[in-house]
Protein backbone atom coordinates (compact mmCIF):
# COMPACT_ATOMS: atom_id res chain seq x y z
CA MET A 1 0.00 0.00 0.00
CA LEU A 2 1.25 3.45 -0.92
CA SER A 3 0.51 6.73 0.79
CA ASP A 4 -0.12 10.17 -0.59
CA ASP A 5 1.79 13.36 0.22
CA GLU A 6 -0.13 13.72 3.49
CA GLY A 7 0.26 10.13 4.62
CA GLU A 8 -3.21 8.95 3.61
CA PRO A 9 -3.02 5.37 2.22
CA PHE A 10 -4.18 4.16 -1.18
CA LEU A 11 -3.70 1.04 -3.32
CA PRO A 12 -1.60 1.21 -6.51
CA GLY A 13 -3.88 1.83 -9.47
CA LEU A 14 -6.57 3.25 -7.20
CA GLU A 15 -5.21 6.74 -6.72
CA PRO A 16 -7.49 9.27 -5.04
CA PRO A 17 -9.78 11.28 -7.29
CA GLY A 18 -8.70 14.72 -8.37
CA THR A 19 -4.98 13.96 -8.58
CA ILE A 20 -3.08 16.79 -10.19
CA ASP A 21 0.35 17.68 -11.45
CA ASN A 22 2.30 20.29 -9.49
CA LEU A 23 5.30 22.05 -11.01
CA PHE A 24 7.65 23.97 -8.73
CA PHE A 25 11.21 25.14 -8.22
CA ALA A 26 13.07 23.69 -5.26
CA CYS A 27 16.43 23.13 -3.63
CA ARG A 28 16.84 19.36 -3.49
CA LEU A 29 19.10 17.50 -1.09
CA ALA A 30 22.19 15.50 -1.92
CA PRO A 31 22.08 11.93 -0.53
CA GLU A 32 24.43 12.68 2.38
CA ALA A 33 22.39 15.74 3.40
CA ALA A 34 19.15 13.77 3.10
CA SER A 35 20.66 11.15 5.42
CA ARG A 36 21.47 13.81 8.04
CA VAL A 37 17.96 15.23 7.81
CA ALA A 38 16.45 11.74 8.11
CA HIS A 39 18.45 11.22 11.31
CA VAL A 40 17.00 14.42 12.82
CA ARG A 41 13.52 13.37 11.68
CA ASP A 42 13.90 9.96 13.32
CA GLU A 43 15.02 11.57 16.58
CA LEU A 44 11.90 13.77 16.54
CA ARG A 45 9.68 10.79 15.78
CA HIS A 46 11.11 8.88 18.74
CA ALA A 47 11.02 11.84 21.13
CA HIS A 48 7.37 12.67 20.42
CA GLY A 49 5.92 9.27 19.55
CA LEU A 50 5.05 10.32 16.02
CA ARG A 51 3.63 7.65 13.73
CA GLY A 52 2.80 9.65 10.62
CA ALA A 53 4.16 8.88 7.19
CA ALA A 54 7.67 10.22 6.65
CA ILE A 55 8.75 11.99 3.48
CA SER A 56 11.16 9.73 1.60
CA PRO A 57 14.78 10.95 1.38
CA GLN A 58 14.40 11.31 -2.40
CA ARG A 59 11.58 13.86 -1.93
CA LEU A 60 13.16 16.03 0.78
CA HIS A 61 13.48 19.59 -0.52
CA VAL A 62 13.02 23.27 0.17
CA SER A 63 10.28 24.71 -2.03
CA LEU A 64 11.19 28.01 -3.68
CA LEU A 65 8.39 28.92 -6.06
CA GLY A 66 5.30 27.27 -7.48
CA VAL A 67 4.84 27.33 -11.25
CA CYS A 68 1.46 25.66 -11.76
CA GLU A 69 -1.03 23.06 -10.65
CA CYS A 70 -2.73 21.42 -13.58
CA HIS A 71 -3.73 18.13 -15.20
CA GLY A 72 -0.70 17.23 -17.27
CA LEU A 73 2.21 19.54 -18.00
CA PRO A 74 2.07 21.67 -21.17
CA ASP A 75 5.41 21.49 -23.00
CA ASP A 76 5.46 25.23 -23.71
CA LEU A 77 4.97 26.05 -20.03
CA VAL A 78 7.83 23.76 -18.98
CA ALA A 79 10.08 25.24 -21.68
CA ALA A 80 9.31 28.81 -20.58
CA ALA A 81 9.97 27.99 -16.93
CA CYS A 82 13.29 26.36 -17.87
CA GLU A 83 14.31 29.39 -19.92
CA ALA A 84 13.54 31.69 -16.99
CA ALA A 85 15.51 29.52 -14.56
CA ALA A 86 18.53 29.40 -16.86
CA SER A 87 18.88 33.18 -16.55
CA ILE A 88 19.50 33.08 -12.76
CA VAL A 89 22.95 34.23 -11.65
CA MET A 90 23.73 33.78 -7.96
CA PRO A 91 26.66 32.24 -6.09
CA PRO A 92 26.25 29.10 -3.95
CA PHE A 93 25.41 29.71 -0.29
CA GLU A 94 25.16 28.01 3.08
CA VAL A 95 21.95 27.22 4.96
CA VAL A 96 21.47 25.69 8.40
CA PHE A 97 18.30 23.99 9.60
CA ASP A 98 18.21 23.85 13.39
CA ARG A 99 14.57 24.15 14.51
CA ALA A 100 11.48 22.00 14.08
CA MET A 101 7.76 22.56 14.54
CA SER A 102 4.38 21.52 13.19
CA PHE A 103 2.62 23.83 10.78
CA SER A 104 -1.06 24.28 11.54
CA ASN A 105 -3.60 23.45 8.86
CA ARG A 106 -7.19 22.30 8.50
CA ARG A 107 -6.35 18.71 7.66
CA LYS A 108 -6.23 15.67 9.89
CA THR A 109 -2.47 15.44 9.57
CA ARG A 110 -0.07 18.36 9.98
CA PRO A 111 3.37 18.82 8.45
CA LEU A 112 6.35 18.62 10.79
CA VAL A 113 9.03 20.84 9.28
CA LEU A 114 12.62 21.91 9.77
CA LEU A 115 13.20 25.67 9.84
CA THR A 116 16.30 27.69 9.07
CA GLY A 117 18.47 29.24 11.71
CA GLY A 118 20.70 30.84 9.09
CA GLY A 119 20.68 31.29 5.34
CA GLU A 120 17.02 32.23 4.98
CA ALA A 121 17.96 35.58 3.41
CA ALA A 122 19.93 33.78 0.68
CA LEU A 123 17.02 31.39 0.04
CA ALA A 124 14.68 34.39 -0.17
CA GLY A 125 17.13 36.05 -2.57
CA LEU A 126 17.13 33.02 -4.86
CA ARG A 127 13.35 32.95 -4.76
CA ASN A 128 13.16 36.67 -5.59
CA ARG A 129 15.42 36.18 -8.60
CA LEU A 130 13.18 33.34 -9.78
CA CYS A 131 10.10 35.53 -9.34
CA GLU A 132 11.67 38.27 -11.45
CA ALA A 133 12.76 35.82 -14.16
CA MET A 134 9.31 34.24 -14.27
CA ARG A 135 7.63 37.66 -14.57
CA ALA A 136 9.96 38.52 -17.42
CA ALA A 137 8.97 35.24 -19.09
CA GLY A 138 5.30 36.24 -18.95
CA PHE A 139 4.16 34.21 -15.95
CA GLY A 140 2.87 37.21 -14.03
CA ASN A 141 3.46 37.63 -10.32
CA ARG A 142 4.22 34.16 -8.90
CA ALA A 143 5.21 35.24 -5.38
CA SER A 144 3.13 35.48 -2.28
CA SER A 145 4.19 38.11 0.22
CA HIS A 146 5.00 35.52 2.89
CA PHE A 147 7.90 33.09 2.44
CA VAL A 148 8.98 30.76 5.25
CA PRO A 149 11.85 28.54 4.08
CA HIS A 150 11.24 25.06 5.45
CA MET A 151 11.69 21.37 4.78
CA THR A 152 8.75 19.02 5.42
CA LEU A 153 9.79 15.86 7.26
CA LEU A 154 6.51 14.01 7.82
CA TYR A 155 2.79 14.40 8.42
CA ASP A 156 1.25 13.48 11.76
CA ARG A 157 -1.91 14.18 13.74
CA ARG A 158 0.06 15.56 16.68
CA MET A 159 1.14 19.19 16.89
CA ILE A 160 4.77 19.73 17.92
CA ALA A 161 5.77 23.10 19.37
CA GLU A 162 8.81 24.88 17.97
CA GLN A 163 12.05 23.44 19.38
CA ALA A 164 15.77 23.30 18.69
CA THR A 165 17.22 20.34 16.82
CA ALA A 166 20.70 19.16 15.95
CA PRO A 167 21.82 21.57 13.21
CA VAL A 168 21.98 20.35 9.62
CA TYR A 169 24.29 22.44 7.44
CA LEU A 170 23.67 22.49 3.70
CA THR A 171 25.50 24.10 0.82
CA VAL A 172 23.01 25.12 -1.86
CA ARG A 173 24.85 24.71 -5.15
CA ASP A 174 21.90 24.38 -7.52
CA PHE A 175 18.12 24.35 -7.82
CA ALA A 176 15.70 22.23 -9.80
CA LEU A 177 12.36 22.25 -11.57
CA VAL A 178 10.32 19.44 -10.04
CA HIS A 179 7.17 17.72 -11.27
CA SER A 180 5.21 16.44 -8.30
CA LEU A 181 2.56 13.82 -8.97
CA VAL A 182 0.31 15.05 -6.18
CA ARG A 183 -1.18 12.34 -3.94
CA ARG A 184 1.01 9.77 -5.66
CA SER A 185 4.16 10.42 -3.62
CA ARG A 186 6.42 10.91 -6.65
CA HIS A 187 8.77 13.73 -7.57
CA ILE A 188 10.33 13.86 -11.02
CA GLU A 189 13.20 16.28 -11.57
CA LEU A 190 12.79 17.87 -14.99
CA ALA A 191 15.89 20.09 -15.01
CA ARG A 192 18.57 21.45 -12.69
CA TRP A 193 20.67 24.63 -12.82
CA PRO A 194 23.95 25.30 -10.98
CA LEU A 195 24.33 28.46 -8.96
CA ARG A 196 27.15 30.57 -10.35
CA ARG A 197 28.68 33.99 -10.01
């Protein structure tokens, strides 16, 4: 049995109705960084008795900017997003994740996330550059006014108050365009761009 992005189970071939395709830019984790994050996640699970479905290491990421939610991905839209991303010029930077908490929502399960204790300004800067490039490519204003860099670890019914965790240091050297098959627990990387001066 598989589970969707919020930990709700379904059988293969019997995906929930209304599944959609989500296209977004993200900073993805190298395997060694994903392993460090998984260790912090497992410590939180043990400390708080959490039983919710964990995000697989291959899907751990920091979302930067949504492109679209649709049924299928139009080739011209993907091409335009890739062209916009290729114009980004920014040097690599360091980020540290050293706090965890549950985000509140109206669903039965709530995301437990890691938050940044340093590097959020650089992540916001990368996002702002993407917003500008996407506007120039004709996508309109893609940014909301509120951006909280975070990494979702799992979904659980319990709410966890903000707390310190063992720090996880990451070097952001690139970013990717990701196709998420929503409620099917799959991420497909469509393209990746290195950060450069």
